[in-house]
Structures are given as structure tokens and as C-alpha cells.
C-alpha atoms as a PDB file:
ATOM      1  CA  UNK A   1     -11.714 -17.503  -6.165  1.00  0.00           C
ATOM      2  CA  UNK A   2     -13.368 -14.463  -4.538  1.00  0.00           C
ATOM      3  CA  UNK A   3     -11.084 -12.224  -6.616  1.00  0.00           C
ATOM      4  CA  UNK A   4     -12.338 -13.893  -9.796  1.00  0.00           C
ATOM      5  CA  UNK A   5     -15.933 -13.391  -8.662  1.00  0.00           C
ATOM      6  CA  UNK A   6     -15.169  -9.714  -8.077  1.00  0.00           C
ATOM      7  CA  UNK A   7     -13.796  -9.433 -11.607  1.00  0.00           C
ATOM      8  CA  UNK A   8     -16.917 -11.042 -13.075  1.00  0.00           C
ATOM      9  CA  UNK A   9     -19.160  -8.831 -10.927  1.00  0.00           C
ATOM     10  CA  UNK A  10     -17.402  -5.731 -12.276  1.00  0.00           C
ATOM     11  CA  UNK A  11     -18.162  -6.685 -15.875  1.00  0.00           C
ATOM     12  CA  UNK A  12     -21.738  -7.633 -15.011  1.00  0.00           C
ATOM     13  CA  UNK A  13     -22.275  -4.234 -13.385  1.00  0.00           C
ATOM     14  CA  UNK A  14     -21.235  -2.477 -16.609  1.00  0.00           C
ATOM     15  CA  UNK A  15     -23.450  -4.730 -18.717  1.00  0.00           C
ATOM     16  CA  UNK A  16     -26.344  -4.291 -16.287  1.00  0.00           C
ATOM     17  CA  UNK A  17     -25.959  -0.513 -16.393  1.00  0.00           C
ATOM     18  CA  UNK A  18     -25.995  -0.529 -20.174  1.00  0.00           C
ATOM     19  CA  UNK A  19     -29.117  -2.691 -20.263  1.00  0.00           C
ATOM     20  CA  UNK A  20     -30.920  -0.538 -17.697  1.00  0.00           C
ATOM     21  CA  UNK A  21     -30.210   2.526 -19.846  1.00  0.00           C
ATOM     22  CA  UNK A  22     -31.480   0.694 -22.951  1.00  0.00           C
ATOM     23  CA  UNK A  23     -28.055   0.735 -24.596  1.00  0.00           C
ATOM     24  CA  UNK A  24     -27.749  -2.089 -27.147  1.00  0.00           C
ATOM     25  CA  UNK A  25     -25.000  -4.459 -26.076  1.00  0.00           C
ATOM     26  CA  UNK A  26     -23.936  -4.717 -29.693  1.00  0.00           C
ATOM     27  CA  UNK A  27     -22.910  -1.052 -29.542  1.00  0.00           C
ATOM     28  CA  UNK A  28     -20.312  -1.939 -26.912  1.00  0.00           C
ATOM     29  CA  UNK A  29     -18.634  -4.459 -29.194  1.00  0.00           C
ATOM     30  CA  UNK A  30     -15.996  -3.127 -31.529  1.00  0.00           C
ATOM     31  CA  UNK A  31     -13.143  -5.291 -32.703  1.00  0.00           C
ATOM     32  CA  UNK A  32     -11.038  -2.362 -33.891  1.00  0.00           C
ATOM     33  CA  UNK A  33     -11.189  -0.651 -30.495  1.00  0.00           C
ATOM     34  CA  UNK A  34     -10.444  -3.966 -28.786  1.00  0.00           C
ATOM     35  CA  UNK A  35      -7.419  -4.493 -31.018  1.00  0.00           C
ATOM     36  CA  UNK A  36      -6.071  -0.989 -30.421  1.00  0.00           C
ATOM     37  CA  UNK A  37      -6.454  -1.018 -26.627  1.00  0.00           C
ATOM     38  CA  UNK A  38      -5.489  -4.580 -25.743  1.00  0.00           C
ATOM     39  CA  UNK A  39      -2.735  -5.058 -28.300  1.00  0.00           C
ATOM     40  CA  UNK A  40      -1.420  -1.543 -27.751  1.00  0.00           C
ATOM     41  CA  UNK A  41      -1.290  -2.012 -23.966  1.00  0.00           C
ATOM     42  CA  UNK A  42       0.356  -5.394 -24.353  1.00  0.00           C
ATOM     43  CA  UNK A  43       2.932  -4.027 -26.800  1.00  0.00           C
ATOM     44  CA  UNK A  44       3.806  -1.054 -24.581  1.00  0.00           C
ATOM     45  CA  UNK A  45       4.150  -3.310 -21.521  1.00  0.00           C
ATOM     46  CA  UNK A  46       6.274  -5.780 -23.472  1.00  0.00           C
ATOM     47  CA  UNK A  47       8.600  -2.948 -24.442  1.00  0.00           C
ATOM     48  CA  UNK A  48       8.688  -1.947 -20.768  1.00  0.00           C
ATOM     49  CA  UNK A  49       9.295  -5.378 -19.203  1.00  0.00           C
ATOM     50  CA  UNK A  50      10.384  -7.743 -21.966  1.00  0.00           C
ATOM     51  CA  UNK A  51       8.517 -10.745 -23.322  1.00  0.00           C
ATOM     52  CA  UNK A  52       9.575 -13.163 -20.568  1.00  0.00           C
ATOM     53  CA  UNK A  53       8.216 -10.966 -17.803  1.00  0.00           C
ATOM     54  CA  UNK A  54       5.033 -10.340 -19.791  1.00  0.00           C
ATOM     55  CA  UNK A  55       4.422 -14.073 -20.069  1.00  0.00           C
ATOM     56  CA  UNK A  56       4.964 -14.433 -16.314  1.00  0.00           C
ATOM     57  CA  UNK A  57       2.458 -11.657 -15.727  1.00  0.00           C
ATOM     58  CA  UNK A  58      -0.167 -13.272 -17.934  1.00  0.00           C
ATOM     59  CA  UNK A  59       0.330 -16.664 -16.303  1.00  0.00           C
ATOM     60  CA  UNK A  60      -0.140 -15.059 -12.881  1.00  0.00           C
ATOM     61  CA  UNK A  61      -3.760 -14.355 -13.851  1.00  0.00           C
ATOM     62  CA  UNK A  62      -4.416 -17.954 -12.772  1.00  0.00           C
ATOM     63  CA  UNK A  63      -3.513 -16.937  -9.209  1.00  0.00           C
ATOM     64  CA  UNK A  64      -7.064 -15.585  -9.016  1.00  0.00           C
ATOM     65  CA  UNK A  65      -8.312 -19.171  -9.228  1.00  0.00           C
ATOM     66  CA  UNK A  66      -5.630 -20.889  -7.170  1.00  0.00           C
ATOM     67  CA  UNK A  67      -3.344 -18.502  -5.269  1.00  0.00           C
ATOM     68  CA  UNK A  68       0.114 -19.950  -4.542  1.00  0.00           C
ATOM     69  CA  UNK A  69       0.614 -20.587  -0.866  1.00  0.00           C
ATOM     70  CA  UNK A  70       2.723 -22.569   1.592  1.00  0.00           C
ATOM     71  CA  UNK A  71       0.916 -24.756   4.100  1.00  0.00           C
ATOM     72  CA  UNK A  72       2.933 -23.596   7.097  1.00  0.00           C
ATOM     73  CA  UNK A  73       1.387 -26.109   9.485  1.00  0.00           C
ATOM     74  CA  UNK A  74       2.423 -28.919   7.150  1.00  0.00           C
ATOM     75  CA  UNK A  75       5.894 -27.403   6.774  1.00  0.00           C
ATOM     76  CA  UNK A  76       6.343 -27.256  10.555  1.00  0.00           C
ATOM     77  CA  UNK A  77       5.443 -30.946  10.784  1.00  0.00           C
ATOM     78  CA  UNK A  78       7.881 -31.759   7.972  1.00  0.00           C
ATOM     79  CA  UNK A  79      10.814 -29.774   9.337  1.00  0.00           C
ATOM     80  CA  UNK A  80      10.230 -31.354  12.768  1.00  0.00           C
ATOM     81  CA  UNK A  81      10.456 -34.811  11.191  1.00  0.00           C
ATOM     82  CA  UNK A  82      13.571 -33.773   9.252  1.00  0.00           C
ATOM     83  CA  UNK A  83      15.184 -32.602  12.476  1.00  0.00           C
ATOM     84  CA  UNK A  84      14.495 -35.931  14.177  1.00  0.00           C
ATOM     85  CA  UNK A  85      15.891 -37.784  11.163  1.00  0.00           C
ATOM     86  CA  UNK A  86      19.019 -35.624  10.986  1.00  0.00           C
ATOM     87  CA  UNK A  87      19.725 -35.916  14.732  1.00  0.00           C
ATOM     88  CA  UNK A  88      19.261 -39.685  14.780  1.00  0.00           C
ATOM     89  CA  UNK A  89      20.925 -40.647  11.484  1.00  0.00           C
ATOM     90  CA  UNK A  90      22.961 -37.607  10.483  1.00  0.00           C
ATOM     91  CA  UNK A  91      22.284 -34.871   7.952  1.00  0.00           C
ATOM     92  CA  UNK A  92      23.114 -37.181   5.037  1.00  0.00           C
ATOM     93  CA  UNK A  93      19.897 -39.045   5.819  1.00  0.00           C
ATOM     94  CA  UNK A  94      17.981 -35.983   4.615  1.00  0.00           C
ATOM     95  CA  UNK A  95      19.117 -36.734   1.069  1.00  0.00           C
ATOM     96  CA  UNK A  96      16.467 -39.438   0.883  1.00  0.00           C
ATOM     97  CA  UNK A  97      13.627 -36.948   1.425  1.00  0.00           C
ATOM     98  CA  UNK A  98      14.804 -34.349  -1.113  1.00  0.00           C
ATOM     99  CA  UNK A  99      13.045 -36.024  -4.102  1.00  0.00           C
ATOM    100  CA  UNK A 100       9.744 -35.835  -2.190  1.00  0.00           C
ATOM    101  CA  UNK A 101       9.985 -32.042  -1.797  1.00  0.00           C
ATOM    102  CA  UNK A 102       8.365 -30.123  -4.657  1.00  0.00           C
ATOM    103  CA  UNK A 103       9.121 -26.550  -3.578  1.00  0.00           C
ATOM    104  CA  UNK A 104      12.462 -25.445  -5.147  1.00  0.00           C
ATOM    105  CA  UNK A 105      13.254 -23.149  -2.208  1.00  0.00           C
ATOM    106  CA  UNK A 106      12.800 -25.919   0.354  1.00  0.00           C
ATOM    107  CA  UNK A 107      14.620 -28.432  -1.832  1.00  0.00           C
ATOM    108  CA  UNK A 108      17.649 -26.131  -2.092  1.00  0.00           C
ATOM    109  CA  UNK A 109      17.617 -25.614   1.679  1.00  0.00           C
ATOM    110  CA  UNK A 110      17.675 -29.357   2.308  1.00  0.00           C
ATOM    111  CA  UNK A 111      20.414 -29.880  -0.268  1.00  0.00           C
ATOM    112  CA  UNK A 112      22.628 -27.289   1.417  1.00  0.00           C
ATOM    113  CA  UNK A 113      22.125 -28.994   4.786  1.00  0.00           C
ATOM    114  CA  UNK A 114      23.055 -32.341   3.230  1.00  0.00           C
ATOM    115  CA  UNK A 115      26.138 -30.692   1.693  1.00  0.00           C
ATOM    116  CA  UNK A 116      27.098 -29.440   5.176  1.00  0.00           C
ATOM    117  CA  UNK A 117      27.115 -25.782   4.113  1.00  0.00           C
ATOM    118  CA  UNK A 118      28.558 -23.515   6.791  1.00  0.00           C
ATOM    119  CA  UNK A 119      25.959 -21.540   8.816  1.00  0.00           C
ATOM    120  CA  UNK A 120      27.212 -18.186   7.510  1.00  0.00           C
ATOM    121  CA  UNK A 121      27.115 -19.282   3.865  1.00  0.00           C
ATOM    122  CA  UNK A 122      23.787 -21.031   4.460  1.00  0.00           C
ATOM    123  CA  UNK A 123      22.157 -17.822   5.690  1.00  0.00           C
ATOM    124  CA  UNK A 124      23.604 -15.763   2.823  1.00  0.00           C
ATOM    125  CA  UNK A 125      22.606 -18.200   0.087  1.00  0.00           C
ATOM    126  CA  UNK A 126      19.116 -18.808   1.446  1.00  0.00           C
ATOM    127  CA  UNK A 127      18.581 -15.069   1.969  1.00  0.00           C
ATOM    128  CA  UNK A 128      19.676 -14.336  -1.603  1.00  0.00           C
ATOM    129  CA  UNK A 129      17.323 -16.992  -2.935  1.00  0.00           C
ATOM    130  CA  UNK A 130      14.475 -15.484  -0.924  1.00  0.00           C
ATOM    131  CA  UNK A 131      15.187 -12.006  -2.297  1.00  0.00           C
ATOM    132  CA  UNK A 132      15.313 -13.307  -5.867  1.00  0.00           C
ATOM    133  CA  UNK A 133      12.042 -15.197  -5.389  1.00  0.00           C
ATOM    134  CA  UNK A 134      10.369 -12.107  -3.902  1.00  0.00           C
ATOM    135  CA  UNK A 135      11.556  -9.974  -6.834  1.00  0.00           C
ATOM    136  CA  UNK A 136      10.329 -12.525  -9.369  1.00  0.00           C
ATOM    137  CA  UNK A 137       6.920 -12.748  -7.690  1.00  0.00           C
ATOM    138  CA  UNK A 138       6.513  -8.960  -7.697  1.00  0.00           C
ATOM    139  CA  UNK A 139       6.944  -8.736 -11.466  1.00  0.00           C
ATOM    140  CA  UNK A 140       3.417  -9.930 -12.416  1.00  0.00           C
ATOM    141  CA  UNK A 141       1.901  -7.190 -10.236  1.00  0.00           C
ATOM    142  CA  UNK A 142       4.129  -4.578 -11.865  1.00  0.00           C
ATOM    143  CA  UNK A 143       3.190  -5.858 -15.325  1.00  0.00           C
ATOM    144  CA  UNK A 144      -0.552  -5.531 -14.733  1.00  0.00           C
ATOM    145  CA  UNK A 145      -0.187  -2.151 -13.061  1.00  0.00           C
ATOM    146  CA  UNK A 146       1.779  -0.928 -16.087  1.00  0.00           C
ATOM    147  CA  UNK A 147      -0.903  -2.208 -18.453  1.00  0.00           C
ATOM    148  CA  UNK A 148      -3.474  -0.374 -16.340  1.00  0.00           C
ATOM    149  CA  UNK A 149      -1.456   2.794 -16.758  1.00  0.00           C
ATOM    150  CA  UNK A 150      -1.053   2.490 -20.521  1.00  0.00           C
ATOM    151  CA  UNK A 151      -4.537   1.339 -21.552  1.00  0.00           C
ATOM    152  CA  UNK A 152      -6.535   4.558 -20.818  1.00  0.00           C
ATOM    153  CA  UNK A 153      -4.117   6.652 -22.875  1.00  0.00           C
ATOM    154  CA  UNK A 154      -4.146   4.151 -25.711  1.00  0.00           C
ATOM    155  CA  UNK A 155      -7.956   4.165 -25.497  1.00  0.00           C
ATOM    156  CA  UNK A 156      -7.903   7.932 -25.998  1.00  0.00           C
ATOM    157  CA  UNK A 157      -5.628   7.414 -28.996  1.00  0.00           C
ATOM    158  CA  UNK A 158      -8.156   4.976 -30.417  1.00  0.00           C
ATOM    159  CA  UNK A 159     -10.952   7.481 -29.867  1.00  0.00           C
ATOM    160  CA  UNK A 160      -8.989  10.215 -31.656  1.00  0.00           C
ATOM    161  CA  UNK A 161      -8.317   7.872 -34.558  1.00  0.00           C
ATOM    162  CA  UNK A 162     -12.051   7.155 -34.735  1.00  0.00           C
ATOM    163  CA  UNK A 163     -12.901  10.843 -34.701  1.00  0.00           C
ATOM    164  CA  UNK A 164     -10.418  11.456 -37.495  1.00  0.00           C
ATOM    165  CA  UNK A 165     -12.235   8.828 -39.513  1.00  0.00           C
ATOM    166  CA  UNK A 166     -15.584  10.523 -38.731  1.00  0.00           C
ATOM    167  CA  UNK A 167     -14.285  13.953 -39.736  1.00  0.00           C
ATOM    168  CA  UNK A 168     -13.241  12.524 -43.071  1.00  0.00           C
ATOM    169  CA  UNK A 169     -16.878  11.589 -43.719  1.00  0.00           C
ATOM    170  CA  UNK A 170     -18.561  14.904 -42.930  1.00  0.00           C
ATOM    171  CA  UNK A 171     -20.283  14.643 -46.292  1.00  0.00           C
ATOM    172  CA  UNK A 172     -22.391  11.853 -44.751  1.00  0.00           C
ATOM    173  CA  UNK A 173     -24.121  13.625 -41.821  1.00  0.00           C
ATOM    174  CA  UNK A 174     -26.457  10.711 -41.215  1.00  0.00           C
ATOM    175  CA  UNK A 175     -23.433   8.633 -40.169  1.00  0.00           C
ATOM    176  CA  UNK A 176     -21.881  11.164 -37.777  1.00  0.00           C
ATOM    177  CA  UNK A 177     -23.739  10.139 -34.622  1.00  0.00           C
ATOM    178  CA  UNK A 178     -22.982   6.449 -34.988  1.00  0.00           C
ATOM    179  CA  UNK A 179     -19.393   7.172 -35.996  1.00  0.00           C
ATOM    180  CA  UNK A 180     -18.708   9.371 -32.966  1.00  0.00           C
ATOM    181  CA  UNK A 181     -20.281   6.808 -30.630  1.00  0.00           C
ATOM    182  CA  UNK A 182     -18.125   4.074 -32.122  1.00  0.00           C
ATOM    183  CA  UNK A 183     -15.021   6.220 -31.743  1.00  0.00           C
ATOM    184  CA  UNK A 184     -15.536   6.594 -28.000  1.00  0.00           C
ATOM    185  CA  UNK A 185     -15.822   2.825 -27.510  1.00  0.00           C
ATOM    186  CA  UNK A 186     -12.009   2.714 -27.476  1.00  0.00           C
ATOM    187  CA  UNK A 187     -11.996   5.085 -24.501  1.00  0.00           C
ATOM    188  CA  UNK A 188     -14.504   2.863 -22.702  1.00  0.00           C
ATOM    189  CA  UNK A 189     -12.307  -0.173 -23.383  1.00  0.00           C
ATOM    190  CA  UNK A 190      -9.175   1.579 -22.183  1.00  0.00           C
ATOM    191  CA  UNK A 191     -10.643   2.980 -18.964  1.00  0.00           C
ATOM    192  CA  UNK A 192     -12.678  -0.160 -18.301  1.00  0.00           C
ATOM    193  CA  UNK A 193      -9.733  -2.509 -18.789  1.00  0.00           C
ATOM    194  CA  UNK A 194      -7.546  -0.392 -16.520  1.00  0.00           C
ATOM    195  CA  UNK A 195     -10.011   0.027 -13.649  1.00  0.00           C
ATOM    196  CA  UNK A 196     -11.891  -3.261 -13.808  1.00  0.00           C
ATOM    197  CA  UNK A 197      -9.042  -5.627 -14.661  1.00  0.00           C
ATOM    198  CA  UNK A 198      -5.459  -4.414 -14.797  1.00  0.00           C
ATOM    199  CA  UNK A 199      -5.106  -2.161 -11.734  1.00  0.00           C
ATOM    200  CA  UNK A 200      -7.196  -4.301  -9.332  1.00  0.00           C
ATOM    201  CA  UNK A 201      -5.399  -7.414 -10.534  1.00  0.00           C
ATOM    202  CA  UNK A 202      -2.015  -5.744 -10.105  1.00  0.00           C
ATOM    203  CA  UNK A 203      -2.853  -4.801  -6.510  1.00  0.00           C
ATOM    204  CA  UNK A 204      -4.159  -8.312  -5.801  1.00  0.00           C
ATOM    205  CA  UNK A 205      -0.996  -9.907  -7.170  1.00  0.00           C
ATOM    206  CA  UNK A 206       1.074  -7.505  -5.066  1.00  0.00           C
ATOM    207  CA  UNK A 207      -0.782  -8.649  -1.944  1.00  0.00           C
ATOM    208  CA  UNK A 208      -0.219 -12.299  -2.847  1.00  0.00           C
ATOM    209  CA  UNK A 209       3.493 -11.661  -3.439  1.00  0.00           C
ATOM    210  CA  UNK A 210       3.821 -10.076   0.010  1.00  0.00           C
ATOM    211  CA  UNK A 211       1.960 -12.995   1.566  1.00  0.00           C
ATOM    212  CA  UNK A 212       4.326 -15.473  -0.101  1.00  0.00           C
ATOM    213  CA  UNK A 213       7.294 -13.418   1.083  1.00  0.00           C
ATOM    214  CA  UNK A 214       6.071 -13.595   4.684  1.00  0.00           C
ATOM    215  CA  UNK A 215       5.538 -17.345   4.380  1.00  0.00           C
ATOM    216  CA  UNK A 216       9.053 -17.698   2.985  1.00  0.00           C
ATOM    217  CA  UNK A 217      10.441 -15.957   6.063  1.00  0.00           C
ATOM    218  CA  UNK A 218       8.939 -18.685   8.236  1.00  0.00           C
ATOM    219  CA  UNK A 219      10.430 -21.349   5.956  1.00  0.00           C
ATOM    220  CA  UNK A 220      13.842 -19.669   6.180  1.00  0.00           C
ATOM    221  CA  UNK A 221      13.622 -19.597   9.967  1.00  0.00           C
ATOM    222  CA  UNK A 222      12.823 -23.318   9.964  1.00  0.00           C
ATOM    223  CA  UNK A 223      15.802 -24.197   7.789  1.00  0.00           C
ATOM    224  CA  UNK A 224      18.125 -22.017   9.853  1.00  0.00           C
ATOM    225  CA  UNK A 225      17.113 -23.908  12.993  1.00  0.00           C
ATOM    226  CA  UNK A 226      17.406 -27.216  11.155  1.00  0.00           C
ATOM    227  CA  UNK A 227      20.905 -26.313   9.944  1.00  0.00           C
ATOM    228  CA  UNK A 228      21.875 -25.439  13.530  1.00  0.00           C
ATOM    229  CA  UNK A 229      20.820 -28.918  14.652  1.00  0.00           C
ATOM    230  CA  UNK A 230      18.019 -27.758  16.939  1.00  0.00           C
ATOM    231  CA  UNK A 231      15.675 -30.466  18.259  1.00  0.00           C
ATOM    232  CA  UNK A 232      12.281 -30.864  16.645  1.00  0.00           C
ATOM    233  CA  UNK A 233      10.359 -29.577  19.670  1.00  0.00           C
ATOM    234  CA  UNK A 234      12.399 -26.363  19.684  1.00  0.00           C
ATOM    235  CA  UNK A 235      11.805 -25.849  15.976  1.00  0.00           C
ATOM    236  CA  UNK A 236       8.080 -26.457  16.385  1.00  0.00           C
ATOM    237  CA  UNK A 237       7.805 -24.010  19.292  1.00  0.00           C
ATOM    238  CA  UNK A 238       9.779 -21.362  17.435  1.00  0.00           C
ATOM    239  CA  UNK A 239       7.890 -21.601  14.146  1.00  0.00           C
ATOM    240  CA  UNK A 240       4.491 -21.939  15.824  1.00  0.00           C
ATOM    241  CA  UNK A 241       5.070 -18.548  17.416  1.00  0.00           C
ATOM    242  CA  UNK A 242       4.793 -17.060  13.912  1.00  0.00           C
ATOM    243  CA  UNK A 243       1.287 -18.437  13.439  1.00  0.00           C
ATOM    244  CA  UNK A 244      -2.159 -17.688  14.776  1.00  0.00           C
ATOM    245  CA  UNK A 245      -5.035 -20.129  14.893  1.00  0.00           C
ATOM    246  CA  UNK A 246      -5.749 -19.607  11.204  1.00  0.00           C
ATOM    247  CA  UNK A 247      -2.239 -20.345  10.002  1.00  0.00           C
ATOM    248  CA  UNK A 248      -1.342 -16.713   9.357  1.00  0.00           C
ATOM    249  CA  UNK A 249       1.735 -15.004  10.640  1.00  0.00           C
ATOM    250  CA  UNK A 250       1.375 -12.632  13.539  1.00  0.00           C
ATOM    251  CA  UNK A 251       3.511 -10.032  15.218  1.00  0.00           C
ATOM    252  CA  UNK A 252       3.363  -7.626  18.116  1.00  0.00           C
ATOM    253  CA  UNK A 253       0.915  -5.437  16.237  1.00  0.00           C
ATOM    254  CA  UNK A 254      -1.606  -8.214  15.533  1.00  0.00           C
ATOM    255  CA  UNK A 255      -2.271 -10.795  12.888  1.00  0.00           C
ATOM    256  CA  UNK A 256      -1.331  -8.525  10.008  1.00  0.00           C
ATOM    257  CA  UNK A 257       1.890  -7.175  11.519  1.00  0.00           C
ATOM    258  CA  UNK A 258       5.303  -8.227  10.344  1.00  0.00           C
ATOM    259  CA  UNK A 259       6.703 -11.049  12.480  1.00  0.00           C
ATOM    260  CA  UNK A 260       9.887 -10.854  14.480  1.00  0.00           C
ATOM    261  CA  UNK A 261      12.255 -13.749  14.757  1.00  0.00           C
ATOM    262  CA  UNK A 262      11.845 -15.636  18.020  1.00  0.00           C
ATOM    263  CA  UNK A 263      15.033 -16.670  19.648  1.00  0.00           C
ATOM    264  CA  UNK A 264      15.268 -20.422  20.042  1.00  0.00           C
ATOM    265  CA  UNK A 265      15.864 -21.646  23.606  1.00  0.00           C
ATOM    266  CA  UNK A 266      19.112 -23.322  24.347  1.00  0.00           C
ATOM    267  CA  UNK A 267      19.283 -27.058  24.044  1.00  0.00           C
END
């Protein structure tokens, strides 16, 4: 939510600056410039990434309101319960809890344990799924960063097109000032969209993707221990070592460092 507030504050700062300089807000509104910059940036990015990835990128805008996240404390409690269930009733008993799991990654991990997948294959499959998920979650950031790269140039194109139109009306000198001002609105749209929306949003989505990747590493560690038949207390101790008091992963370098796998004690 703070990211969304930052986005709104950026637009308000531009509007406030225009008002303080006695610039009519109506002069900042130009549908033609809007069409050129936004549609042009979208079209160029669609050519770059394909329509499916573009749709994923646009949907990821909602991450500003509700960022995707894994409640690791809740997951540790769950995987501890699953371990107790599997050790007391066998791994087939975990089949009953699969419908209650909403996360596809966790659901696949449980299904492979129920199917008695070998440890080597389990690690390979789960690792491949994690890599695919990480790649998919990086795409929205790349989409917005690309749009931020294209929009200023397309804004300049819009300005040049506006100036061409002005030059064609040199026989109306009273219209030159307004025409030139209108032409440069496309540049304002292009630069403003890139630096107030697209590039900051791309960087924010990249941070969220890395956060989800780190959370997924903890989930993978939990399923590896569960597949090995470790007791619940061992799993809890191991996974808790990845967390600080705020539920974030920690490492030797502090709360923001990459975690290292903690070797589980022998049963």
C-alpha cells in the first residue's frame, strides 16, 4: 500500500508544481499525446514480450495494493503438522490435506510426497518448479522496465509530430505558441510515465519477485525435510533458523542477507 501512496504522491507533486506556477491544468491534458505515448509504449512492449506476458505485467500492478507473500510462520506450523501426520499414519495420509492447500507449489510438493517420489527426483522437480516460478514472477518487472525505456522516446516522437503540425500552420502565427506547447505535452507524458510509474514500478516488482523467491527457498527446505521423514521438531528448528522476529529470512550478513541451508540434526 505504501508503494501505491508513493505513486499518488508523485502525481500530486507534478500537479502541485503546475498549480504553484499558475499553469492551467487543462494545458496538461491532451488525448492525442496520451494515445501516442501509452499506446505506443504498450505496443512496443507487446512486440518485445508477447501479449501473454504483457497481460501478466499489467495484472501485477495490483501487487502495489496486496503484494503476494507466503506466511512462513504459518507454513512452519503446517509442515510440522504434516510431518506428525505422515510419521503416525504414513505419507498417504497427506493426500487428505492436499485439497486444503491453495498454493500450487506447496500442493505439488505434497502430491510428490504422497506419490513416494524418490529424494533425488523430488529435489530436481521441486527445484525446477521453483526456477520456473521465479522466472515467471520476474517477467512483470521486466515488462514495466521496458515500457519505461520506450515511453520517453515515443514521447519525443509525439512532440516531433506535433511540431510538424505546427510548422504546417506558420501562416497562423497567433497559434504557434499554443501549438508548440501542446506538442511538448507528449514529451512530458513520456518522461513522466517512465520516471513516475513504469521504472519505479518495475523496480518494486523486481524486489517483490526476489522476496517471493527467498520465501520459496524456505518452503523447499521444509518439503525436503518432510520428504526425508524428519520429525516435526527438527523441521521447526531448521526452518525457524531462516527467520528473524519479524518473519523475514536472515543470514550471516544480517536480516537482508541470503540464507544458508541449516543442516538438520540426526534423528
